[in-house]
Amino acid sequence: MVNRIQAIIFDYGGTIDTNALHWSEVLWEGYRHTNIPVSKEEFRQSYVFAERALAKHPYIQPEHNFLDLLTIKCDLETQDLVNRGVWLVSDTERKIQSDAVANYCYQYVLNVLEVSRPVIATLAEKYPLVLVSNFYGNIETILKDFHLEYFQHIVESAVVGVRKPDPQIFQLGVDALREIMGKTAEELPAHDILVVGDSYSKDILPATKIGCQTVWLKGIGWDNETVDETVPTHIIRHIKDLPEVI
């Protein structure tokens, strides 16, 4: 069990929407389901290309919901596969299959949310919740679309100009909770705040550095990073188990 907590900070992507399955793995399953004839390494290169493009260019607008985001992301990935000569296909067929991947992944998230949404709703009845996420500027639209409007404040990297793993983004979440609760740092120390995330390096380590307790939702990440499992306050394998450790 974690020690006494007064409030909770959640990560979004990979935690609430996929139950600790890295988004590259979710998308790769979509590629396999849709029978796009590329290797996983070829896909991963295009995944990185698309992520960098999304960070550099304003493809994602605040009004875009998650299906919009996935459609844009998959379009960038599949265009890159074609441009690199990895996938030989007409643009019409590429777009059909690209949209099919997006829809597959969207349904995957809807299924996960059937489990994660009730967990968050239950915790919101007892604790103030803040969301801290590396995202594209449209997280509020996504939360509304997915009926996840339980967070009293959102710290989104594209908005605040700070990205994980910089601990400062979590400090912004801690500061927001103190303001929401009307408490000083002495009344609401970081140690009384629990951070829940799926990434050891981007969630658990930076949150630990500023003194928060942590629950690591451990699943399949981007790579096999070196971890010290004594660092998280607690480790779970499924988000449904979160209430049991609080």
C-alpha atoms as a PDB file:
ATOM      1  CA  MET A   1       0.000   0.000   0.000  1.00  0.00           C
ATOM      2  CA  VAL A   2       1.115   3.575  -0.635  1.00  0.00           C
ATOM      3  CA  ASN A   3       1.385   5.973   2.307  1.00  0.00           C
ATOM      4  CA  ARG A   4      -1.260   8.595   3.050  1.00  0.00           C
ATOM      5  CA  ILE A   5      -2.131  10.662  -0.009  1.00  0.00           C
ATOM      6  CA  GLN A   6      -4.229  13.774  -0.456  1.00  0.00           C
ATOM      7  CA  ALA A   7      -4.345  14.026  -4.257  1.00  0.00           C
ATOM      8  CA  ILE A   8      -3.443  12.161  -7.450  1.00  0.00           C
ATOM      9  CA  ILE A   9      -1.674  13.121 -10.674  1.00  0.00           C
ATOM     10  CA  PHE A  10      -2.349  10.928 -13.707  1.00  0.00           C
ATOM     11  CA  ASP A  11      -0.431  10.505 -16.925  1.00  0.00           C
ATOM     12  CA  TYR A  12      -2.710  10.102 -19.956  1.00  0.00           C
ATOM     13  CA  GLY A  13      -1.190   8.371 -23.004  1.00  0.00           C
ATOM     14  CA  GLY A  14      -0.211   4.785 -22.290  1.00  0.00           C
ATOM     15  CA  THR A  15      -1.771   4.903 -18.827  1.00  0.00           C
ATOM     16  CA  ILE A  16      -5.459   5.720 -19.148  1.00  0.00           C
ATOM     17  CA  ASP A  17      -5.956   4.831 -22.823  1.00  0.00           C
ATOM     18  CA  THR A  18      -3.886   1.657 -23.403  1.00  0.00           C
ATOM     19  CA  ASN A  19      -3.245   0.110 -19.972  1.00  0.00           C
ATOM     20  CA  ALA A  20       0.557   0.396 -20.282  1.00  0.00           C
ATOM     21  CA  LEU A  21       0.883  -0.832 -23.856  1.00  0.00           C
ATOM     22  CA  HIS A  22       3.168   1.634 -25.656  1.00  0.00           C
ATOM     23  CA  TRP A  23       1.378   3.383 -28.488  1.00  0.00           C
ATOM     24  CA  SER A  24       3.846   2.007 -31.019  1.00  0.00           C
ATOM     25  CA  GLU A  25       2.700  -1.483 -30.026  1.00  0.00           C
ATOM     26  CA  VAL A  26      -0.978  -0.578 -30.339  1.00  0.00           C
ATOM     27  CA  LEU A  27      -0.386   0.860 -33.806  1.00  0.00           C
ATOM     28  CA  TRP A  28       1.717  -2.124 -34.832  1.00  0.00           C
ATOM     29  CA  GLU A  29      -1.167  -4.413 -33.892  1.00  0.00           C
ATOM     30  CA  GLY A  30      -3.333  -2.242 -36.141  1.00  0.00           C
ATOM     31  CA  TYR A  31      -0.879  -2.718 -39.003  1.00  0.00           C
ATOM     32  CA  ARG A  32      -0.905  -6.468 -38.506  1.00  0.00           C
ATOM     33  CA  HIS A  33      -4.704  -6.551 -38.271  1.00  0.00           C
ATOM     34  CA  THR A  34      -4.951  -4.566 -41.511  1.00  0.00           C
ATOM     35  CA  ASN A  35      -2.290  -6.706 -43.236  1.00  0.00           C
ATOM     36  CA  ILE A  36      -0.012  -3.822 -44.211  1.00  0.00           C
ATOM     37  CA  PRO A  37       3.034  -5.691 -45.583  1.00  0.00           C
ATOM     38  CA  VAL A  38       5.920  -4.050 -43.707  1.00  0.00           C
ATOM     39  CA  SER A  39       8.286  -5.264 -41.015  1.00  0.00           C
ATOM     40  CA  LYS A  40       8.083  -4.025 -37.459  1.00  0.00           C
ATOM     41  CA  GLU A  41      11.399  -2.201 -37.807  1.00  0.00           C
ATOM     42  CA  GLU A  42      10.196  -0.476 -40.973  1.00  0.00           C
ATOM     43  CA  PHE A  43       7.035   0.558 -39.139  1.00  0.00           C
ATOM     44  CA  ARG A  44       8.999   1.823 -36.125  1.00  0.00           C
ATOM     45  CA  GLN A  45      11.053   4.117 -38.356  1.00  0.00           C
ATOM     46  CA  SER A  46       7.856   5.640 -39.740  1.00  0.00           C
ATOM     47  CA  TYR A  47       6.384   5.866 -36.242  1.00  0.00           C
ATOM     48  CA  VAL A  48       9.368   7.985 -35.162  1.00  0.00           C
ATOM     49  CA  PHE A  49       9.075  10.089 -38.326  1.00  0.00           C
ATOM     50  CA  ALA A  50       5.407  10.823 -37.613  1.00  0.00           C
ATOM     51  CA  GLU A  51       6.023  11.656 -33.947  1.00  0.00           C
ATOM     52  CA  ARG A  52       8.718  14.152 -34.904  1.00  0.00           C
ATOM     53  CA  ALA A  53       6.491  15.659 -37.588  1.00  0.00           C
ATOM     54  CA  LEU A  54       3.637  16.072 -35.117  1.00  0.00           C
ATOM     55  CA  ALA A  55       5.982  17.779 -32.661  1.00  0.00           C
ATOM     56  CA  LYS A  56       7.321  20.140 -35.333  1.00  0.00           C
ATOM     57  CA  HIS A  57       4.181  21.038 -37.290  1.00  0.00           C
ATOM     58  CA  PRO A  58       0.677  22.026 -36.108  1.00  0.00           C
ATOM     59  CA  TYR A  59      -1.102  19.096 -37.754  1.00  0.00           C
ATOM     60  CA  ILE A  60      -3.109  18.527 -34.582  1.00  0.00           C
ATOM     61  CA  GLN A  61      -5.525  21.324 -33.711  1.00  0.00           C
ATOM     62  CA  PRO A  62      -7.297  21.861 -30.369  1.00  0.00           C
ATOM     63  CA  GLU A  63     -10.652  20.762 -31.817  1.00  0.00           C
ATOM     64  CA  HIS A  64      -9.356  17.378 -33.037  1.00  0.00           C
ATOM     65  CA  ASN A  65     -10.724  14.378 -31.178  1.00  0.00           C
ATOM     66  CA  PHE A  66      -8.767  11.155 -30.758  1.00  0.00           C
ATOM     67  CA  LEU A  67      -9.959   9.533 -33.974  1.00  0.00           C
ATOM     68  CA  ASP A  68      -8.905  12.694 -35.833  1.00  0.00           C
ATOM     69  CA  LEU A  69      -5.488  12.461 -34.171  1.00  0.00           C
ATOM     70  CA  LEU A  70      -5.073   8.790 -35.038  1.00  0.00           C
ATOM     71  CA  THR A  71      -6.129   9.392 -38.634  1.00  0.00           C
ATOM     72  CA  ILE A  72      -3.526  12.147 -39.022  1.00  0.00           C
ATOM     73  CA  LYS A  73      -0.839  10.099 -37.279  1.00  0.00           C
ATOM     74  CA  CYS A  74      -1.475   6.988 -39.404  1.00  0.00           C
ATOM     75  CA  ASP A  75      -1.563   9.099 -42.569  1.00  0.00           C
ATOM     76  CA  LEU A  76       1.893  10.510 -41.773  1.00  0.00           C
ATOM     77  CA  GLU A  77       3.259   7.051 -41.013  1.00  0.00           C
ATOM     78  CA  THR A  78       1.901   5.363 -44.127  1.00  0.00           C
ATOM     79  CA  GLN A  79       2.943   8.240 -46.376  1.00  0.00           C
ATOM     80  CA  ASP A  80       6.459   7.859 -45.020  1.00  0.00           C
ATOM     81  CA  LEU A  81       6.415   4.114 -45.705  1.00  0.00           C
ATOM     82  CA  VAL A  82       5.442   4.829 -49.318  1.00  0.00           C
ATOM     83  CA  ASN A  83       7.949   7.681 -49.680  1.00  0.00           C
ATOM     84  CA  ARG A  84      10.758   5.429 -48.461  1.00  0.00           C
ATOM     85  CA  GLY A  85       9.758   2.744 -50.974  1.00  0.00           C
ATOM     86  CA  VAL A  86       8.940   0.290 -48.208  1.00  0.00           C
ATOM     87  CA  TRP A  87       5.290  -0.082 -49.188  1.00  0.00           C
ATOM     88  CA  LEU A  88       4.335  -0.118 -52.862  1.00  0.00           C
ATOM     89  CA  VAL A  89       0.670   0.797 -53.033  1.00  0.00           C
ATOM     90  CA  SER A  90      -1.642   3.312 -54.683  1.00  0.00           C
ATOM     91  CA  ASP A  91      -2.509   6.389 -52.680  1.00  0.00           C
ATOM     92  CA  THR A  92      -6.181   5.395 -52.654  1.00  0.00           C
ATOM     93  CA  GLU A  93      -5.423   1.975 -51.175  1.00  0.00           C
ATOM     94  CA  ARG A  94      -2.896   3.463 -48.757  1.00  0.00           C
ATOM     95  CA  LYS A  95      -5.518   5.860 -47.414  1.00  0.00           C
ATOM     96  CA  ILE A  96      -8.108   3.088 -47.032  1.00  0.00           C
ATOM     97  CA  GLN A  97      -5.727   0.916 -45.034  1.00  0.00           C
ATOM     98  CA  SER A  98      -4.333   3.850 -43.071  1.00  0.00           C
ATOM     99  CA  ASP A  99      -7.843   4.806 -41.943  1.00  0.00           C
ATOM    100  CA  ALA A 100      -8.508   1.155 -41.072  1.00  0.00           C
ATOM    101  CA  VAL A 101      -5.503   1.163 -38.723  1.00  0.00           C
ATOM    102  CA  ALA A 102      -6.750   4.367 -37.097  1.00  0.00           C
ATOM    103  CA  ASN A 103     -10.203   2.887 -36.557  1.00  0.00           C
ATOM    104  CA  TYR A 104      -8.742  -0.342 -35.146  1.00  0.00           C
ATOM    105  CA  CYS A 105      -6.672   1.612 -32.622  1.00  0.00           C
ATOM    106  CA  TYR A 106      -9.606   3.847 -31.727  1.00  0.00           C
ATOM    107  CA  GLN A 107     -11.703   0.793 -30.906  1.00  0.00           C
ATOM    108  CA  TYR A 108      -8.840  -0.586 -28.840  1.00  0.00           C
ATOM    109  CA  VAL A 109      -8.894   2.580 -26.724  1.00  0.00           C
ATOM    110  CA  LEU A 110     -12.672   2.472 -26.331  1.00  0.00           C
ATOM    111  CA  ASN A 111     -12.338  -1.068 -24.952  1.00  0.00           C
ATOM    112  CA  VAL A 112      -9.608  -0.061 -22.469  1.00  0.00           C
ATOM    113  CA  LEU A 113     -11.650   2.933 -21.314  1.00  0.00           C
ATOM    114  CA  GLU A 114     -14.477   0.620 -20.289  1.00  0.00           C
ATOM    115  CA  VAL A 115     -12.103  -0.451 -17.508  1.00  0.00           C
ATOM    116  CA  SER A 116     -10.064   2.687 -16.815  1.00  0.00           C
ATOM    117  CA  ARG A 117     -12.919   5.219 -16.804  1.00  0.00           C
ATOM    118  CA  PRO A 118     -14.733   3.665 -13.798  1.00  0.00           C
ATOM    119  CA  VAL A 119     -11.418   3.527 -11.897  1.00  0.00           C
ATOM    120  CA  ILE A 120     -10.838   7.241 -12.453  1.00  0.00           C
ATOM    121  CA  ALA A 121     -14.445   8.093 -11.658  1.00  0.00           C
ATOM    122  CA  THR A 122     -14.196   6.238  -8.339  1.00  0.00           C
ATOM    123  CA  LEU A 123     -10.940   7.946  -7.363  1.00  0.00           C
ATOM    124  CA  ALA A 124     -12.341  11.356  -8.341  1.00  0.00           C
ATOM    125  CA  GLU A 125     -15.005  10.954  -5.660  1.00  0.00           C
ATOM    126  CA  LYS A 126     -12.288  10.862  -2.990  1.00  0.00           C
ATOM    127  CA  TYR A 127      -9.282  12.769  -4.340  1.00  0.00           C
ATOM    128  CA  PRO A 128      -8.594  15.897  -6.385  1.00  0.00           C
ATOM    129  CA  LEU A 129      -7.181  14.728  -9.740  1.00  0.00           C
ATOM    130  CA  VAL A 130      -4.773  16.516 -12.086  1.00  0.00           C
ATOM    131  CA  LEU A 131      -3.608  15.294 -15.496  1.00  0.00           C
ATOM    132  CA  VAL A 132       0.027  15.767 -16.579  1.00  0.00           C
ATOM    133  CA  SER A 133       0.677  14.718 -20.169  1.00  0.00           C
ATOM    134  CA  ASN A 134       3.019  15.074 -23.118  1.00  0.00           C
ATOM    135  CA  PHE A 135       0.357  15.871 -25.706  1.00  0.00           C
ATOM    136  CA  TYR A 136      -0.443  17.870 -28.829  1.00  0.00           C
ATOM    137  CA  GLY A 137      -2.702  20.667 -27.557  1.00  0.00           C
ATOM    138  CA  ASN A 138      -6.018  18.830 -27.912  1.00  0.00           C
ATOM    139  CA  ILE A 139      -6.191  16.820 -24.702  1.00  0.00           C
ATOM    140  CA  GLU A 140      -9.273  18.681 -23.437  1.00  0.00           C
ATOM    141  CA  THR A 141     -11.196  17.743 -26.599  1.00  0.00           C
ATOM    142  CA  ILE A 142     -10.148  14.117 -26.151  1.00  0.00           C
ATOM    143  CA  LEU A 143     -11.164  14.003 -22.498  1.00  0.00           C
ATOM    144  CA  LYS A 144     -14.574  15.413 -23.403  1.00  0.00           C
ATOM    145  CA  ASP A 145     -14.965  12.964 -26.299  1.00  0.00           C
ATOM    146  CA  PHE A 146     -14.110  10.041 -24.027  1.00  0.00           C
ATOM    147  CA  HIS A 147     -16.219  11.255 -21.064  1.00  0.00           C
ATOM    148  CA  LEU A 148     -13.127  11.630 -18.874  1.00  0.00           C
ATOM    149  CA  GLU A 149     -13.849  15.057 -17.440  1.00  0.00           C
ATOM    150  CA  TYR A 150     -12.758  14.174 -13.919  1.00  0.00           C
ATOM    151  CA  PHE A 151      -9.594  16.275 -13.773  1.00  0.00           C
ATOM    152  CA  GLN A 152      -9.633  19.600 -11.978  1.00  0.00           C
ATOM    153  CA  HIS A 153      -6.587  20.823 -13.871  1.00  0.00           C
ATOM    154  CA  ILE A 154      -4.618  19.754 -16.961  1.00  0.00           C
ATOM    155  CA  VAL A 155      -0.902  20.272 -17.517  1.00  0.00           C
ATOM    156  CA  GLU A 156      -0.288  19.602 -21.218  1.00  0.00           C
ATOM    157  CA  SER A 157       3.228  19.826 -22.642  1.00  0.00           C
ATOM    158  CA  ALA A 158       2.172  21.607 -25.859  1.00  0.00           C
ATOM    159  CA  VAL A 159       0.481  24.286 -23.762  1.00  0.00           C
ATOM    160  CA  VAL A 160       2.980  24.823 -20.930  1.00  0.00           C
ATOM    161  CA  GLY A 161       6.153  24.382 -23.010  1.00  0.00           C
ATOM    162  CA  VAL A 162       7.668  21.715 -20.744  1.00  0.00           C
ATOM    163  CA  ARG A 163       7.863  18.027 -21.627  1.00  0.00           C
ATOM    164  CA  LYS A 164       8.492  14.877 -19.661  1.00  0.00           C
ATOM    165  CA  PRO A 165      10.920  13.690 -18.443  1.00  0.00           C
ATOM    166  CA  ASP A 166      11.587  17.201 -17.130  1.00  0.00           C
ATOM    167  CA  PRO A 167      10.456  17.061 -13.465  1.00  0.00           C
ATOM    168  CA  GLN A 168       9.187  20.633 -13.798  1.00  0.00           C
ATOM    169  CA  ILE A 169       6.075  19.437 -15.621  1.00  0.00           C
ATOM    170  CA  PHE A 170       5.134  17.379 -12.569  1.00  0.00           C
ATOM    171  CA  GLN A 171       5.963  20.306 -10.311  1.00  0.00           C
ATOM    172  CA  LEU A 172       3.369  22.301 -12.263  1.00  0.00           C
ATOM    173  CA  GLY A 173       0.878  19.564 -11.410  1.00  0.00           C
ATOM    174  CA  VAL A 174       1.807  19.730  -7.732  1.00  0.00           C
ATOM    175  CA  ASP A 175       1.491  23.525  -7.745  1.00  0.00           C
ATOM    176  CA  ALA A 176      -1.937  23.254  -9.382  1.00  0.00           C
ATOM    177  CA  LEU A 177      -3.143  20.839  -6.719  1.00  0.00           C
ATOM    178  CA  ARG A 178      -2.015  23.170  -3.938  1.00  0.00           C
ATOM    179  CA  GLU A 179      -3.948  26.009  -5.549  1.00  0.00           C
ATOM    180  CA  ILE A 180      -7.034  23.842  -6.103  1.00  0.00           C
ATOM    181  CA  MET A 181      -6.999  22.634  -2.513  1.00  0.00           C
ATOM    182  CA  GLY A 182      -6.018  25.995  -1.044  1.00  0.00           C
ATOM    183  CA  LYS A 183      -3.029  24.502   0.739  1.00  0.00           C
ATOM    184  CA  THR A 184       0.578  25.527   1.262  1.00  0.00           C
ATOM    185  CA  ALA A 185       3.593  23.355   0.505  1.00  0.00           C
ATOM    186  CA  GLU A 186       3.703  22.457   4.189  1.00  0.00           C
ATOM    187  CA  GLU A 187       0.041  21.476   4.215  1.00  0.00           C
ATOM    188  CA  LEU A 188       0.300  19.526   0.943  1.00  0.00           C
ATOM    189  CA  PRO A 189       3.856  18.203   0.630  1.00  0.00           C
ATOM    190  CA  ALA A 190       4.807  16.424  -2.586  1.00  0.00           C
ATOM    191  CA  HIS A 191       5.007  13.174  -0.637  1.00  0.00           C
ATOM    192  CA  ASP A 192       1.243  13.350  -0.068  1.00  0.00           C
ATOM    193  CA  ILE A 193       0.653  13.381  -3.844  1.00  0.00           C
ATOM    194  CA  LEU A 194       0.546  10.171  -5.866  1.00  0.00           C
ATOM    195  CA  VAL A 195       1.658  10.079  -9.506  1.00  0.00           C
ATOM    196  CA  VAL A 196       0.321   7.261 -11.708  1.00  0.00           C
ATOM    197  CA  GLY A 197       2.067   6.563 -15.009  1.00  0.00           C
ATOM    198  CA  ASP A 198       3.183   3.860 -17.404  1.00  0.00           C
ATOM    199  CA  SER A 199       6.665   5.173 -18.229  1.00  0.00           C
ATOM    200  CA  TYR A 200       9.487   4.515 -15.775  1.00  0.00           C
ATOM    201  CA  SER A 201      11.754   7.170 -17.284  1.00  0.00           C
ATOM    202  CA  LYS A 202       9.126   9.808 -18.161  1.00  0.00           C
ATOM    203  CA  ASP A 203       6.714   9.430 -15.240  1.00  0.00           C
ATOM    204  CA  ILE A 204       8.185   7.536 -12.314  1.00  0.00           C
ATOM    205  CA  LEU A 205      11.720   8.964 -12.187  1.00  0.00           C
ATOM    206  CA  PRO A 206      10.819  12.668 -12.585  1.00  0.00           C
ATOM    207  CA  ALA A 207       7.898  12.407 -10.161  1.00  0.00           C
ATOM    208  CA  THR A 208      10.157  10.702  -7.632  1.00  0.00           C
ATOM    209  CA  LYS A 209      12.749  13.468  -8.033  1.00  0.00           C
ATOM    210  CA  ILE A 210      10.278  16.094  -6.782  1.00  0.00           C
ATOM    211  CA  GLY A 211       9.229  13.902  -3.866  1.00  0.00           C
ATOM    212  CA  CYS A 212       5.924  12.372  -5.005  1.00  0.00           C
ATOM    213  CA  GLN A 213       4.834   8.829  -4.332  1.00  0.00           C
ATOM    214  CA  THR A 214       4.377   6.794  -7.506  1.00  0.00           C
ATOM    215  CA  VAL A 215       2.472   3.868  -8.907  1.00  0.00           C
ATOM    216  CA  TRP A 216       4.105   2.419 -11.998  1.00  0.00           C
ATOM    217  CA  LEU A 217       1.635   0.807 -14.386  1.00  0.00           C
ATOM    218  CA  LYS A 218       4.155  -1.573 -15.864  1.00  0.00           C
ATOM    219  CA  GLY A 219       3.524  -2.988 -19.324  1.00  0.00           C
ATOM    220  CA  ILE A 220       5.196  -3.120 -22.744  1.00  0.00           C
ATOM    221  CA  GLY A 221       7.287  -0.031 -23.467  1.00  0.00           C
ATOM    222  CA  TRP A 222       9.185   1.304 -26.474  1.00  0.00           C
ATOM    223  CA  ASP A 223      12.376  -0.509 -25.525  1.00  0.00           C
ATOM    224  CA  ASN A 224      13.922  -2.467 -22.684  1.00  0.00           C
ATOM    225  CA  GLU A 225      15.175   0.409 -20.553  1.00  0.00           C
ATOM    226  CA  THR A 226      17.160  -0.213 -17.394  1.00  0.00           C
ATOM    227  CA  VAL A 227      14.908   0.150 -14.367  1.00  0.00           C
ATOM    228  CA  ASP A 228      15.209  -0.068 -10.606  1.00  0.00           C
ATOM    229  CA  GLU A 229      11.973  -1.577  -9.351  1.00  0.00           C
ATOM    230  CA  THR A 230      12.656  -0.267  -5.836  1.00  0.00           C
ATOM    231  CA  VAL A 231      12.072   3.317  -7.080  1.00  0.00           C
ATOM    232  CA  PRO A 232       8.271   3.215  -7.587  1.00  0.00           C
ATOM    233  CA  THR A 233       6.203   3.204  -4.414  1.00  0.00           C
ATOM    234  CA  HIS A 234       4.147   0.443  -5.985  1.00  0.00           C
ATOM    235  CA  ILE A 235       4.009  -1.509  -9.262  1.00  0.00           C
ATOM    236  CA  ILE A 236       0.809  -2.767 -10.866  1.00  0.00           C
ATOM    237  CA  ARG A 237       0.157  -4.561 -14.140  1.00  0.00           C
ATOM    238  CA  HIS A 238      -3.411  -3.421 -14.777  1.00  0.00           C
ATOM    239  CA  ILE A 239      -5.121  -0.110 -14.079  1.00  0.00           C
ATOM    240  CA  LYS A 240      -8.077  -1.918 -12.499  1.00  0.00           C
ATOM    241  CA  ASP A 241      -5.736  -2.800  -9.626  1.00  0.00           C
ATOM    242  CA  LEU A 242      -4.975   0.844  -8.808  1.00  0.00           C
ATOM    243  CA  PRO A 243      -7.663   1.379  -6.110  1.00  0.00           C
ATOM    244  CA  GLU A 244      -6.370  -1.652  -4.224  1.00  0.00           C
ATOM    245  CA  VAL A 245      -2.916  -0.119  -3.652  1.00  0.00           C
ATOM    246  CA  ILE A 246      -4.117   3.336  -2.597  1.00  0.00           C
END
